[in-house]
Amino acid sequence: TFNGDTAAANALDDYEEGTATISIEATTTNPTITEGNTFTAQYTKIGNMVTVRGYTGTRTITNAGSGLAKINQLPFTNHASYYGVVSIVHGTMFGDTQAGYVEANTTFFYPIQEGSTSGVNYSTGSSLFMFSVTYMVA
């Protein structure tokens, strides 16, 4: 209750915490990563809003694959009418990027170039990234 309010409409009736196995992919051919193309992220879902937080740890990309970088297997499908917002730090896996977006009605996001909506490619060598994404589910 809040301030003595017991109305059912104001009750928090949908709260969930958990983990998701996130996949490092590309739009054409996936990159080859010595430590594997998946990692575990944590999420919190409150009502129809989901926040996912993840960190790859250091990964060795021996082949960058082809096509745009794509991070897949978010724990819930994004709402069909909205885009989700991604914040990236330690983004050495795709060069100089600090942002991304979740497309409507999908479970993936694209890291994007700074000041643009254009996607990015993977870099070979030792790299990592940390992210947080918030999006709405149907």
Protein backbone atom coordinates (compact mmCIF):
# COMPACT_ATOMS: atom_id res chain seq x y z
CA THR A 1 0.00 0.00 0.00
CA PHE A 2 1.01 3.61 -0.50
CA ASN A 3 -0.29 6.26 1.89
CA GLY A 4 -3.00 3.85 3.04
CA ASP A 5 -4.16 3.16 -0.56
CA THR A 6 -5.35 -0.44 -0.86
CA ALA A 7 -6.86 -0.21 -4.37
CA ALA A 8 -6.01 -3.28 -6.45
CA ALA A 9 -5.27 -1.07 -9.46
CA ASN A 10 -2.35 0.49 -7.56
CA ALA A 11 -0.81 -2.81 -6.40
CA LEU A 12 2.51 -4.03 -7.76
CA ASP A 13 1.39 -7.32 -9.25
CA ASP A 14 4.18 -8.15 -11.69
CA TYR A 15 7.78 -8.23 -10.44
CA GLU A 16 10.43 -10.68 -11.61
CA GLU A 17 14.21 -11.02 -11.39
CA GLY A 18 16.31 -13.55 -13.25
CA THR A 19 19.10 -14.35 -15.65
CA ALA A 20 19.22 -14.73 -19.41
CA THR A 21 21.76 -16.34 -21.71
CA ILE A 22 22.68 -13.62 -24.20
CA SER A 23 24.10 -14.48 -27.63
CA ILE A 24 26.79 -12.50 -29.48
CA GLU A 25 25.77 -12.66 -33.15
CA ALA A 26 25.96 -10.79 -36.46
CA THR A 27 23.33 -10.18 -39.11
CA THR A 28 25.06 -12.39 -41.73
CA THR A 29 27.76 -14.66 -40.25
CA ASN A 30 28.39 -14.85 -36.50
CA PRO A 31 31.82 -13.96 -35.14
CA THR A 32 34.14 -16.71 -33.93
CA ILE A 33 34.89 -16.21 -30.23
CA THR A 34 37.38 -18.44 -28.39
CA GLU A 35 35.44 -18.24 -25.10
CA GLY A 36 32.07 -18.84 -26.81
CA ASN A 37 29.32 -16.65 -28.20
CA THR A 38 27.12 -16.53 -25.08
CA PHE A 39 27.25 -14.93 -21.64
CA THR A 40 24.86 -14.51 -18.71
CA ALA A 41 23.02 -11.25 -18.01
CA GLN A 42 20.65 -10.27 -15.19
CA TYR A 43 17.22 -8.73 -15.63
CA THR A 44 14.50 -7.09 -13.58
CA LYS A 45 10.93 -6.89 -14.90
CA ILE A 46 8.50 -4.54 -13.18
CA GLY A 47 5.09 -4.39 -14.81
CA ASN A 48 5.70 -4.01 -18.53
CA MET A 49 9.24 -2.55 -18.21
CA VAL A 50 12.37 -4.72 -18.35
CA THR A 51 15.95 -3.73 -17.58
CA VAL A 52 18.72 -6.11 -18.59
CA ARG A 53 22.34 -5.67 -17.44
CA GLY A 54 25.28 -7.69 -18.74
CA TYR A 55 29.06 -7.93 -19.03
CA THR A 56 30.86 -10.26 -21.40
CA GLY A 57 34.20 -10.38 -19.64
CA THR A 58 37.23 -10.50 -21.93
CA ARG A 59 36.55 -12.38 -25.17
CA THR A 60 38.96 -13.21 -28.00
CA ILE A 61 37.37 -12.67 -31.39
CA THR A 62 39.40 -14.60 -33.99
CA ASN A 63 37.00 -13.92 -36.87
CA ALA A 64 34.72 -10.85 -36.87
CA GLY A 65 32.04 -12.59 -38.92
CA SER A 66 30.08 -10.48 -41.37
CA GLY A 67 27.21 -8.06 -41.18
CA LEU A 68 26.27 -5.83 -38.27
CA ALA A 69 26.88 -6.67 -34.62
CA LYS A 70 23.71 -8.04 -33.02
CA ILE A 71 23.14 -9.00 -29.38
CA ASN A 72 20.36 -11.59 -29.18
CA GLN A 73 18.22 -13.57 -26.71
CA LEU A 74 16.92 -10.79 -24.46
CA PRO A 75 14.60 -12.43 -21.92
CA PHE A 76 11.35 -10.86 -23.21
CA THR A 77 10.10 -9.67 -26.60
CA ASN A 78 10.11 -5.90 -26.99
CA HIS A 79 6.71 -4.21 -27.48
CA ALA A 80 5.57 -4.04 -31.10
CA SER A 81 5.27 -0.22 -31.08
CA TYR A 82 8.41 0.94 -29.26
CA TYR A 83 12.18 0.84 -29.42
CA GLY A 84 14.30 0.01 -26.37
CA VAL A 85 17.30 2.11 -25.33
CA VAL A 86 20.76 0.57 -24.84
CA SER A 87 23.70 2.10 -23.00
CA ILE A 88 27.12 0.50 -23.64
CA VAL A 89 30.36 1.01 -21.70
CA HIS A 90 33.73 -0.67 -22.23
CA GLY A 91 32.55 -1.16 -25.80
CA THR A 92 35.86 -2.39 -27.24
CA MET A 93 34.07 -5.29 -28.93
CA PHE A 94 32.62 -3.00 -31.62
CA GLY A 95 34.96 -0.01 -31.58
CA ASP A 96 33.77 3.38 -30.34
CA THR A 97 30.09 2.98 -29.48
CA GLN A 98 28.11 3.82 -26.36
CA ALA A 99 24.56 3.29 -27.55
CA GLY A 100 22.20 0.91 -29.25
CA TYR A 101 18.54 0.10 -29.70
CA VAL A 102 16.12 -2.81 -29.41
CA GLU A 103 13.91 -3.06 -32.47
CA ALA A 104 10.16 -3.29 -31.99
CA ASN A 105 8.78 -6.83 -31.53
CA THR A 106 12.23 -8.49 -31.22
CA THR A 107 14.53 -9.99 -28.57
CA PHE A 108 17.78 -8.42 -29.81
CA PHE A 109 19.60 -5.12 -30.00
CA TYR A 110 22.07 -3.47 -32.34
CA PRO A 111 25.01 -1.45 -31.05
CA ILE A 112 25.19 1.74 -33.15
CA GLN A 113 27.78 4.31 -34.23
CA GLU A 114 28.02 7.46 -32.11
CA GLY A 115 25.71 10.20 -33.40
CA SER A 116 24.10 7.85 -35.91
CA THR A 117 21.60 5.05 -36.27
CA SER A 118 24.05 2.98 -38.33
CA GLY A 119 25.12 -0.37 -36.95
CA VAL A 120 28.69 -1.41 -36.17
CA ASN A 121 30.90 -4.43 -36.85
CA TYR A 122 32.93 -6.56 -34.47
CA SER A 123 36.64 -5.99 -33.95
CA THR A 124 39.05 -8.92 -33.83
CA GLY A 125 41.35 -9.46 -30.88
CA SER A 126 40.76 -9.24 -27.15
CA SER A 127 37.63 -7.23 -26.35
CA LEU A 128 34.61 -6.90 -24.10
CA PHE A 129 31.50 -4.83 -23.43
CA MET A 130 29.12 -3.99 -20.62
CA PHE A 131 25.56 -2.87 -21.26
CA SER A 132 22.24 -1.91 -19.79
CA VAL A 133 19.03 -1.91 -21.81
CA THR A 134 15.51 -0.89 -20.84
CA TYR A 135 12.51 -1.74 -22.96
CA MET A 136 8.75 -2.29 -22.80
CA VAL A 137 7.03 -5.64 -23.24
CA ALA A 138 3.52 -6.12 -24.55
